[in-house]
Amino acid sequence: MTSRGWQYEVWSEPDPHVLENVRFLAGYRRAWLFDPDLVAALRAVDLDGVSLGDAFRLRPECPRPQPESAVLYLLWSGHVTTALDRPLSTGHVLRRAA
């Protein structure tokens, strides 16, 4: 085939857990929905190696959904990463983005 200049690629469906997680995180893509001061404060914290659950509890003075949403926004925006090949849980460990 290559002698004729043809190429091929194998395409398949994405991992169902990755797809489910990306769809979930897409709900946190709109930066204007989140308190900019809270997002800035969470960006200033070294989240590398912190579990998702611990990151949710970093700002106990804020109403519960706000830090959770801000952390998930940071995950969507690429400030931090985590494995998406299994359903997201509070046990997921966050890593500094490259």
PDB file of N, CA and C in Angstrom:
ATOM      1  N   MET A   1       0.821  -1.193   0.000  1.00  0.00           N
ATOM      2  CA  MET A   1       0.000   0.000   0.000  1.00  0.00           C
ATOM      3  C   MET A   1       0.865   1.257   0.000  1.00  0.00           C
ATOM      4  N   THR A   2       1.928   1.259   0.799  1.00  0.00           N
ATOM      5  CA  THR A   2       2.751   2.463   0.844  1.00  0.00           C
ATOM      6  C   THR A   2       3.474   2.700  -0.473  1.00  0.00           C
ATOM      7  N   SER A   3       3.715   1.619  -1.217  1.00  0.00           N
ATOM      8  CA  SER A   3       4.375   1.792  -2.516  1.00  0.00           C
ATOM      9  C   SER A   3       3.487   2.571  -3.486  1.00  0.00           C
ATOM     10  N   ARG A   4       2.200   2.540  -3.239  1.00  0.00           N
ATOM     11  CA  ARG A   4       1.257   3.298  -4.077  1.00  0.00           C
ATOM     12  C   ARG A   4       0.941   4.676  -3.476  1.00  0.00           C
ATOM     13  N   GLY A   5       1.581   4.994  -2.349  1.00  0.00           N
ATOM     14  CA  GLY A   5       1.335   6.287  -1.718  1.00  0.00           C
ATOM     15  C   GLY A   5       0.106   6.310  -0.834  1.00  0.00           C
ATOM     16  N   TRP A   6      -0.435   5.145  -0.530  1.00  0.00           N
ATOM     17  CA  TRP A   6      -1.620   5.074   0.315  1.00  0.00           C
ATOM     18  C   TRP A   6      -1.200   4.962   1.776  1.00  0.00           C
ATOM     19  N   GLN A   7      -2.018   5.519   2.630  1.00  0.00           N
ATOM     20  CA  GLN A   7      -1.826   5.391   4.072  1.00  0.00           C
ATOM     21  C   GLN A   7      -3.168   5.043   4.697  1.00  0.00           C
ATOM     22  N   TYR A   8      -3.106   4.543   5.896  1.00  0.00           N
ATOM     23  CA  TYR A   8      -4.356   4.293   6.605  1.00  0.00           C
ATOM     24  C   TYR A   8      -4.147   4.558   8.085  1.00  0.00           C
ATOM     25  N   GLU A   9      -5.234   4.845   8.759  1.00  0.00           N
ATOM     26  CA  GLU A   9      -5.254   5.044  10.199  1.00  0.00           C
ATOM     27  C   GLU A   9      -6.392   4.217  10.761  1.00  0.00           C
ATOM     28  N   VAL A  10      -6.177   3.676  11.938  1.00  0.00           N
ATOM     29  CA  VAL A  10      -7.226   2.926  12.618  1.00  0.00           C
ATOM     30  C   VAL A  10      -7.891   3.868  13.620  1.00  0.00           C
ATOM     31  N   TRP A  11      -9.174   4.059  13.449  1.00  0.00           N
ATOM     32  CA  TRP A  11      -9.940   4.894  14.359  1.00  0.00           C
ATOM     33  C   TRP A  11     -10.905   3.998  15.119  1.00  0.00           C
ATOM     34  N   SER A  12     -11.062   4.291  16.408  1.00  0.00           N
ATOM     35  CA  SER A  12     -12.022   3.537  17.204  1.00  0.00           C
ATOM     36  C   SER A  12     -12.672   4.489  18.203  1.00  0.00           C
ATOM     37  N   GLU A  13     -13.670   3.996  18.862  1.00  0.00           N
ATOM     38  CA  GLU A  13     -14.374   4.803  19.852  1.00  0.00           C
ATOM     39  C   GLU A  13     -13.449   5.105  21.028  1.00  0.00           C
ATOM     40  N   PRO A  14     -13.609   6.289  21.646  1.00  0.00           N
ATOM     41  CA  PRO A  14     -12.800   6.592  22.830  1.00  0.00           C
ATOM     42  C   PRO A  14     -13.215   5.707  24.000  1.00  0.00           C
ATOM     43  N   ASP A  15     -12.319   5.590  24.946  1.00  0.00           N
ATOM     44  CA  ASP A  15     -12.615   4.853  26.171  1.00  0.00           C
ATOM     45  C   ASP A  15     -13.886   5.447  26.786  1.00  0.00           C
ATOM     46  N   PRO A  16     -14.865   4.621  27.160  1.00  0.00           N
ATOM     47  CA  PRO A  16     -16.132   5.161  27.680  1.00  0.00           C
ATOM     48  C   PRO A  16     -15.956   5.994  28.950  1.00  0.00           C
ATOM     49  N   HIS A  17     -15.001   5.633  29.813  1.00  0.00           N
ATOM     50  CA  HIS A  17     -14.778   6.422  31.033  1.00  0.00           C
ATOM     51  C   HIS A  17     -14.209   7.796  30.689  1.00  0.00           C
ATOM     52  N   VAL A  18     -13.273   7.832  29.754  1.00  0.00           N
ATOM     53  CA  VAL A  18     -12.701   9.114  29.335  1.00  0.00           C
ATOM     54  C   VAL A  18     -13.797   9.998  28.751  1.00  0.00           C
ATOM     55  N   LEU A  19     -14.611   9.441  27.888  1.00  0.00           N
ATOM     56  CA  LEU A  19     -15.691  10.201  27.266  1.00  0.00           C
ATOM     57  C   LEU A  19     -16.676  10.726  28.316  1.00  0.00           C
ATOM     58  N   GLU A  20     -17.048   9.892  29.264  1.00  0.00           N
ATOM     59  CA  GLU A  20     -17.969  10.308  30.325  1.00  0.00           C
ATOM     60  C   GLU A  20     -17.359  11.430  31.169  1.00  0.00           C
ATOM     61  N   ASN A  21     -16.081  11.298  31.516  1.00  0.00           N
ATOM     62  CA  ASN A  21     -15.410  12.320  32.323  1.00  0.00           C
ATOM     63  C   ASN A  21     -15.277  13.640  31.575  1.00  0.00           C
ATOM     64  N   VAL A  22     -14.943  13.586  30.296  1.00  0.00           N
ATOM     65  CA  VAL A  22     -14.821  14.812  29.504  1.00  0.00           C
ATOM     66  C   VAL A  22     -16.180  15.496  29.389  1.00  0.00           C
ATOM     67  N   ARG A  23     -17.217  14.730  29.178  1.00  0.00           N
ATOM     68  CA  ARG A  23     -18.570  15.316  29.114  1.00  0.00           C
ATOM     69  C   ARG A  23     -18.942  15.975  30.442  1.00  0.00           C
ATOM     70  N   PHE A  24     -18.607  15.315  31.547  1.00  0.00           N
ATOM     71  CA  PHE A  24     -18.888  15.874  32.869  1.00  0.00           C
ATOM     72  C   PHE A  24     -18.104  17.169  33.080  1.00  0.00           C
ATOM     73  N   LEU A  25     -16.802  17.132  32.804  1.00  0.00           N
ATOM     74  CA  LEU A  25     -15.953  18.301  33.028  1.00  0.00           C
ATOM     75  C   LEU A  25     -16.304  19.464  32.105  1.00  0.00           C
ATOM     76  N   ALA A  26     -16.898  19.176  30.960  1.00  0.00           N
ATOM     77  CA  ALA A  26     -17.294  20.246  30.036  1.00  0.00           C
ATOM     78  C   ALA A  26     -18.293  21.197  30.690  1.00  0.00           C
ATOM     79  N   GLY A  27     -18.992  20.738  31.685  1.00  0.00           N
ATOM     80  CA  GLY A  27     -19.917  21.594  32.416  1.00  0.00           C
ATOM     81  C   GLY A  27     -19.216  22.679  33.218  1.00  0.00           C
ATOM     82  N   TYR A  28     -17.907  22.579  33.339  1.00  0.00           N
ATOM     83  CA  TYR A  28     -17.115  23.538  34.117  1.00  0.00           C
ATOM     84  C   TYR A  28     -16.212  24.376  33.212  1.00  0.00           C
ATOM     85  N   ARG A  29     -16.568  24.514  31.945  1.00  0.00           N
ATOM     86  CA  ARG A  29     -15.698  25.192  30.987  1.00  0.00           C
ATOM     87  C   ARG A  29     -15.881  26.707  30.942  1.00  0.00           C
ATOM     88  N   ARG A  30     -16.930  27.227  31.508  1.00  0.00           N
ATOM     89  CA  ARG A  30     -17.226  28.664  31.407  1.00  0.00           C
ATOM     90  C   ARG A  30     -16.619  29.426  32.587  1.00  0.00           C
ATOM     91  N   ALA A  31     -15.486  30.063  32.344  1.00  0.00           N
ATOM     92  CA  ALA A  31     -14.729  30.734  33.408  1.00  0.00           C
ATOM     93  C   ALA A  31     -15.552  31.799  34.129  1.00  0.00           C
ATOM     94  N   TRP A  32     -16.423  32.479  33.418  1.00  0.00           N
ATOM     95  CA  TRP A  32     -17.175  33.574  34.015  1.00  0.00           C
ATOM     96  C   TRP A  32     -18.159  33.110  35.083  1.00  0.00           C
ATOM     97  N   LEU A  33     -18.401  31.824  35.207  1.00  0.00           N
ATOM     98  CA  LEU A  33     -19.328  31.312  36.219  1.00  0.00           C
ATOM     99  C   LEU A  33     -18.694  31.171  37.602  1.00  0.00           C
ATOM    100  N   PHE A  34     -17.366  31.289  37.673  1.00  0.00           N
ATOM    101  CA  PHE A  34     -16.666  31.005  38.921  1.00  0.00           C
ATOM    102  C   PHE A  34     -16.081  32.273  39.520  1.00  0.00           C
ATOM    103  N   ASP A  35     -16.055  32.316  40.848  1.00  0.00           N
ATOM    104  CA  ASP A  35     -15.493  33.450  41.576  1.00  0.00           C
ATOM    105  C   ASP A  35     -14.016  33.587  41.211  1.00  0.00           C
ATOM    106  N   PRO A  36     -13.627  34.687  40.560  1.00  0.00           N
ATOM    107  CA  PRO A  36     -12.236  34.828  40.117  1.00  0.00           C
ATOM    108  C   PRO A  36     -11.234  34.830  41.268  1.00  0.00           C
ATOM    109  N   ASP A  37     -11.635  35.362  42.429  1.00  0.00           N
ATOM    110  CA  ASP A  37     -10.729  35.362  43.583  1.00  0.00           C
ATOM    111  C   ASP A  37     -10.497  33.942  44.092  1.00  0.00           C
ATOM    112  N   LEU A  38     -11.547  33.144  44.106  1.00  0.00           N
ATOM    113  CA  LEU A  38     -11.422  31.754  44.536  1.00  0.00           C
ATOM    114  C   LEU A  38     -10.562  30.968  43.552  1.00  0.00           C
ATOM    115  N   VAL A  39     -10.790  31.159  42.275  1.00  0.00           N
ATOM    116  CA  VAL A  39      -9.992  30.465  41.257  1.00  0.00           C
ATOM    117  C   VAL A  39      -8.525  30.867  41.386  1.00  0.00           C
ATOM    118  N   ALA A  40      -8.256  32.161  41.574  1.00  0.00           N
ATOM    119  CA  ALA A  40      -6.874  32.635  41.726  1.00  0.00           C
ATOM    120  C   ALA A  40      -6.230  32.039  42.976  1.00  0.00           C
ATOM    121  N   ALA A  41      -6.990  31.966  44.064  1.00  0.00           N
ATOM    122  CA  ALA A  41      -6.452  31.387  45.302  1.00  0.00           C
ATOM    123  C   ALA A  41      -6.118  29.911  45.113  1.00  0.00           C
ATOM    124  N   LEU A  42      -6.967  29.180  44.410  1.00  0.00           N
ATOM    125  CA  LEU A  42      -6.700  27.761  44.172  1.00  0.00           C
ATOM    126  C   LEU A  42      -5.545  27.569  43.190  1.00  0.00           C
ATOM    127  N   ARG A  43      -5.405  28.465  42.229  1.00  0.00           N
ATOM    128  CA  ARG A  43      -4.264  28.395  41.301  1.00  0.00           C
ATOM    129  C   ARG A  43      -2.944  28.591  42.050  1.00  0.00           C
ATOM    130  N   ALA A  44      -2.981  29.402  43.106  1.00  0.00           N
ATOM    131  CA  ALA A  44      -1.763  29.704  43.870  1.00  0.00           C
ATOM    132  C   ALA A  44      -1.312  28.535  44.745  1.00  0.00           C
ATOM    133  N   VAL A  45      -2.205  27.593  44.992  1.00  0.00           N
ATOM    134  CA  VAL A  45      -1.886  26.428  45.825  1.00  0.00           C
ATOM    135  C   VAL A  45      -1.222  25.364  44.952  1.00  0.00           C
ATOM    136  N   ASP A  46      -0.202  24.713  45.495  1.00  0.00           N
ATOM    137  CA  ASP A  46       0.431  23.601  44.771  1.00  0.00           C
ATOM    138  C   ASP A  46      -0.471  22.378  44.920  1.00  0.00           C
ATOM    139  N   LEU A  47      -1.217  22.071  43.882  1.00  0.00           N
ATOM    140  CA  LEU A  47      -2.167  20.959  43.921  1.00  0.00           C
ATOM    141  C   LEU A  47      -1.546  19.640  43.478  1.00  0.00           C
ATOM    142  N   ASP A  48      -0.271  19.641  43.125  1.00  0.00           N
ATOM    143  CA  ASP A  48       0.389  18.426  42.656  1.00  0.00           C
ATOM    144  C   ASP A  48       0.418  17.382  43.773  1.00  0.00           C
ATOM    145  N   GLY A  49      -0.190  16.228  43.525  1.00  0.00           N
ATOM    146  CA  GLY A  49      -0.229  15.146  44.499  1.00  0.00           C
ATOM    147  C   GLY A  49      -1.397  15.201  45.469  1.00  0.00           C
ATOM    148  N   VAL A  50      -2.226  16.229  45.359  1.00  0.00           N
ATOM    149  CA  VAL A  50      -3.389  16.392  46.239  1.00  0.00           C
ATOM    150  C   VAL A  50      -4.564  15.622  45.638  1.00  0.00           C
ATOM    151  N   SER A  51      -5.306  14.922  46.478  1.00  0.00           N
ATOM    152  CA  SER A  51      -6.479  14.207  45.963  1.00  0.00           C
ATOM    153  C   SER A  51      -7.569  15.216  45.616  1.00  0.00           C
ATOM    154  N   LEU A  52      -8.441  14.816  44.738  1.00  0.00           N
ATOM    155  CA  LEU A  52      -9.553  15.672  44.340  1.00  0.00           C
ATOM    156  C   LEU A  52     -10.398  16.032  45.563  1.00  0.00           C
ATOM    157  N   GLY A  53     -10.634  15.065  46.430  1.00  0.00           N
ATOM    158  CA  GLY A  53     -11.413  15.316  47.642  1.00  0.00           C
ATOM    159  C   GLY A  53     -10.756  16.331  48.558  1.00  0.00           C
ATOM    160  N   ASP A  54      -9.431  16.222  48.733  1.00  0.00           N
ATOM    161  CA  ASP A  54      -8.714  17.194  49.567  1.00  0.00           C
ATOM    162  C   ASP A  54      -8.731  18.579  48.927  1.00  0.00           C
ATOM    163  N   ALA A  55      -8.607  18.631  47.613  1.00  0.00           N
ATOM    164  CA  ALA A  55      -8.655  19.918  46.910  1.00  0.00           C
ATOM    165  C   ALA A  55     -10.021  20.577  47.098  1.00  0.00           C
ATOM    166  N   PHE A  56     -11.078  19.778  47.126  1.00  0.00           N
ATOM    167  CA  PHE A  56     -12.423  20.317  47.342  1.00  0.00           C
ATOM    168  C   PHE A  56     -12.539  20.991  48.709  1.00  0.00           C
ATOM    169  N   ARG A  57     -11.746  20.537  49.678  1.00  0.00           N
ATOM    170  CA  ARG A  57     -11.850  21.044  51.051  1.00  0.00           C
ATOM    171  C   ARG A  57     -10.800  22.108  51.388  1.00  0.00           C
ATOM    172  N   LEU A  58     -10.087  22.614  50.400  1.00  0.00           N
ATOM    173  CA  LEU A  58      -9.026  23.588  50.666  1.00  0.00           C
ATOM    174  C   LEU A  58      -9.547  24.939  51.144  1.00  0.00           C
ATOM    175  N   ARG A  59     -10.750  25.279  50.805  1.00  0.00           N
ATOM    176  CA  ARG A  59     -11.320  26.575  51.196  1.00  0.00           C
ATOM    177  C   ARG A  59     -12.589  26.354  52.008  1.00  0.00           C
ATOM    178  N   PRO A  60     -12.458  25.913  53.274  1.00  0.00           N
ATOM    179  CA  PRO A  60     -13.643  25.591  54.079  1.00  0.00           C
ATOM    180  C   PRO A  60     -14.529  26.798  54.370  1.00  0.00           C
ATOM    181  N   GLU A  61     -14.002  28.008  54.231  1.00  0.00           N
ATOM    182  CA  GLU A  61     -14.812  29.203  54.501  1.00  0.00           C
ATOM    183  C   GLU A  61     -15.822  29.484  53.385  1.00  0.00           C
ATOM    184  N   CYS A  62     -15.648  28.840  52.244  1.00  0.00           N
ATOM    185  CA  CYS A  62     -16.561  29.037  51.105  1.00  0.00           C
ATOM    186  C   CYS A  62     -17.690  28.010  51.154  1.00  0.00           C
ATOM    187  N   PRO A  63     -18.873  28.383  50.674  1.00  0.00           N
ATOM    188  CA  PRO A  63     -19.950  27.390  50.572  1.00  0.00           C
ATOM    189  C   PRO A  63     -19.480  26.198  49.739  1.00  0.00           C
ATOM    190  N   ARG A  64     -19.833  25.016  50.150  1.00  0.00           N
ATOM    191  CA  ARG A  64     -19.296  23.766  49.606  1.00  0.00           C
ATOM    192  C   ARG A  64     -19.227  23.677  48.079  1.00  0.00           C
ATOM    193  N   PRO A  65     -20.256  24.012  47.341  1.00  0.00           N
ATOM    194  CA  PRO A  65     -20.151  23.799  45.889  1.00  0.00           C
ATOM    195  C   PRO A  65     -19.131  24.709  45.203  1.00  0.00           C
ATOM    196  N   GLN A  66     -18.810  25.854  45.801  1.00  0.00           N
ATOM    197  CA  GLN A  66     -17.920  26.788  45.118  1.00  0.00           C
ATOM    198  C   GLN A  66     -16.502  26.250  44.935  1.00  0.00           C
ATOM    199  N   PRO A  67     -15.823  25.763  45.989  1.00  0.00           N
ATOM    200  CA  PRO A  67     -14.474  25.224  45.773  1.00  0.00           C
ATOM    201  C   PRO A  67     -14.485  23.989  44.870  1.00  0.00           C
ATOM    202  N   GLU A  68     -15.502  23.152  45.009  1.00  0.00           N
ATOM    203  CA  GLU A  68     -15.583  21.965  44.156  1.00  0.00           C
ATOM    204  C   GLU A  68     -15.673  22.371  42.692  1.00  0.00           C
ATOM    205  N   SER A  69     -16.543  23.316  42.403  1.00  0.00           N
ATOM    206  CA  SER A  69     -16.705  23.777  41.024  1.00  0.00           C
ATOM    207  C   SER A  69     -15.433  24.437  40.510  1.00  0.00           C
ATOM    208  N   ALA A  70     -14.774  25.218  41.349  1.00  0.00           N
ATOM    209  CA  ALA A  70     -13.547  25.900  40.929  1.00  0.00           C
ATOM    210  C   ALA A  70     -12.434  24.900  40.641  1.00  0.00           C
ATOM    211  N   VAL A  71     -12.313  23.863  41.456  1.00  0.00           N
ATOM    212  CA  VAL A  71     -11.295  22.831  41.216  1.00  0.00           C
ATOM    213  C   VAL A  71     -11.600  22.092  39.915  1.00  0.00           C
ATOM    214  N   LEU A  72     -12.851  21.770  39.681  1.00  0.00           N
ATOM    215  CA  LEU A  72     -13.217  21.089  38.437  1.00  0.00           C
ATOM    216  C   LEU A  72     -12.990  22.004  37.229  1.00  0.00           C
ATOM    217  N   TYR A  73     -13.181  23.308  37.401  1.00  0.00           N
ATOM    218  CA  TYR A  73     -12.847  24.254  36.334  1.00  0.00           C
ATOM    219  C   TYR A  73     -11.340  24.217  36.051  1.00  0.00           C
ATOM    220  N   LEU A  74     -10.517  24.185  37.103  1.00  0.00           N
ATOM    221  CA  LEU A  74      -9.061  24.118  36.909  1.00  0.00           C
ATOM    222  C   LEU A  74      -8.663  22.828  36.203  1.00  0.00           C
ATOM    223  N   LEU A  75      -9.382  21.764  36.475  1.00  0.00           N
ATOM    224  CA  LEU A  75      -9.125  20.496  35.791  1.00  0.00           C
ATOM    225  C   LEU A  75      -9.508  20.613  34.314  1.00  0.00           C
ATOM    226  N   TRP A  76     -10.670  21.171  34.029  1.00  0.00           N
ATOM    227  CA  TRP A  76     -11.101  21.345  32.638  1.00  0.00           C
ATOM    228  C   TRP A  76     -10.141  22.253  31.870  1.00  0.00           C
ATOM    229  N   SER A  77      -9.710  23.336  32.509  1.00  0.00           N
ATOM    230  CA  SER A  77      -8.888  24.330  31.810  1.00  0.00           C
ATOM    231  C   SER A  77      -7.431  23.900  31.660  1.00  0.00           C
ATOM    232  N   GLY A  78      -7.067  22.776  32.259  1.00  0.00           N
ATOM    233  CA  GLY A  78      -5.719  22.254  32.081  1.00  0.00           C
ATOM    234  C   GLY A  78      -4.704  22.760  33.084  1.00  0.00           C
ATOM    235  N   HIS A  79      -5.146  23.465  34.127  1.00  0.00           N
ATOM    236  CA  HIS A  79      -4.212  23.911  35.165  1.00  0.00           C
ATOM    237  C   HIS A  79      -3.653  22.715  35.925  1.00  0.00           C
ATOM    238  N   VAL A  80      -4.486  21.719  36.129  1.00  0.00           N
ATOM    239  CA  VAL A  80      -4.076  20.443  36.727  1.00  0.00           C
ATOM    240  C   VAL A  80      -4.630  19.316  35.862  1.00  0.00           C
ATOM    241  N   THR A  81      -4.090  18.134  36.037  1.00  0.00           N
ATOM    242  CA  THR A  81      -4.565  16.963  35.301  1.00  0.00           C
ATOM    243  C   THR A  81      -4.799  15.819  36.275  1.00  0.00           C
ATOM    244  N   THR A  82      -5.475  14.812  35.800  1.00  0.00           N
ATOM    245  CA  THR A  82      -5.658  13.572  36.543  1.00  0.00           C
ATOM    246  C   THR A  82      -6.019  12.485  35.537  1.00  0.00           C
ATOM    247  N   ALA A  83      -5.971  11.260  35.978  1.00  0.00           N
ATOM    248  CA  ALA A  83      -6.336  10.140  35.103  1.00  0.00           C
ATOM    249  C   ALA A  83      -7.836  10.195  34.832  1.00  0.00           C
ATOM    250  N   LEU A  84      -8.195  10.088  33.575  1.00  0.00           N
ATOM    251  CA  LEU A  84      -9.612  10.123  33.205  1.00  0.00           C
ATOM    252  C   LEU A  84     -10.104   8.771  32.719  1.00  0.00           C
ATOM    253  N   ASP A  85      -9.281   7.741  32.876  1.00  0.00           N
ATOM    254  CA  ASP A  85      -9.633   6.421  32.348  1.00  0.00           C
ATOM    255  C   ASP A  85     -10.481   5.591  33.303  1.00  0.00           C
ATOM    256  N   ARG A  86     -10.910   6.194  34.393  1.00  0.00           N
ATOM    257  CA  ARG A  86     -11.868   5.567  35.305  1.00  0.00           C
ATOM    258  C   ARG A  86     -12.772   6.680  35.827  1.00  0.00           C
ATOM    259  N   PRO A  87     -13.963   6.336  36.308  1.00  0.00           N
ATOM    260  CA  PRO A  87     -14.887   7.383  36.754  1.00  0.00           C
ATOM    261  C   PRO A  87     -14.244   8.303  37.795  1.00  0.00           C
ATOM    262  N   LEU A  88     -14.437   9.604  37.628  1.00  0.00           N
ATOM    263  CA  LEU A  88     -13.874  10.571  38.566  1.00  0.00           C
ATOM    264  C   LEU A  88     -14.406  10.319  39.967  1.00  0.00           C
ATOM    265  N   SER A  89     -13.511  10.429  40.937  1.00  0.00           N
ATOM    266  CA  SER A  89     -13.900  10.274  42.336  1.00  0.00           C
ATOM    267  C   SER A  89     -13.014  11.181  43.179  1.00  0.00           C
ATOM    268  N   THR A  90     -13.361  11.311  44.438  1.00  0.00           N
ATOM    269  CA  THR A  90     -12.569  12.152  45.335  1.00  0.00           C
ATOM    270  C   THR A  90     -11.181  11.568  45.577  1.00  0.00           C
ATOM    271  N   GLY A  91     -10.963  10.322  45.217  1.00  0.00           N
ATOM    272  CA  GLY A  91      -9.653   9.693  45.381  1.00  0.00           C
ATOM    273  C   GLY A  91      -8.680   9.970  44.249  1.00  0.00           C
ATOM    274  N   HIS A  92      -9.144  10.563  43.165  1.00  0.00           N
ATOM    275  CA  HIS A  92      -8.246  10.886  42.049  1.00  0.00           C
ATOM    276  C   HIS A  92      -7.166  11.860  42.519  1.00  0.00           C
ATOM    277  N   VAL A  93      -5.934  11.618  42.110  1.00  0.00           N
ATOM    278  CA  VAL A  93      -4.808  12.473  42.484  1.00  0.00           C
ATOM    279  C   VAL A  93      -4.559  13.483  41.369  1.00  0.00           C
ATOM    280  N   LEU A  94      -4.459  14.735  41.768  1.00  0.00           N
ATOM    281  CA  LEU A  94      -4.203  15.808  40.810  1.00  0.00           C
ATOM    282  C   LEU A  94      -2.707  15.918  40.547  1.00  0.00           C
ATOM    283  N   ARG A  95      -2.356  16.286  39.336  1.00  0.00           N
ATOM    284  CA  ARG A  95      -0.963  16.489  38.937  1.00  0.00           C
ATOM    285  C   ARG A  95      -0.833  17.851  38.276  1.00  0.00           C
ATOM    286  N   ARG A  96       0.327  18.447  38.448  1.00  0.00           N
ATOM    287  CA  ARG A  96       0.636  19.715  37.792  1.00  0.00           C
ATOM    288  C   ARG A  96       0.631  19.486  36.283  1.00  0.00           C
ATOM    289  N   ALA A  97       0.014  20.381  35.559  1.00  0.00           N
ATOM    290  CA  ALA A  97      -0.021  20.245  34.101  1.00  0.00           C
ATOM    291  C   ALA A  97       1.363  20.517  33.531  1.00  0.00           C
ATOM    292  N   ALA A  98       1.666  19.850  32.435  1.00  0.00           N
ATOM    293  CA  ALA A  98       2.995  20.011  31.811  1.00  0.00           C
ATOM    294  C   ALA A  98       3.156  21.344  31.140  1.00  0.00           C
TER     295      ALA A  98
END
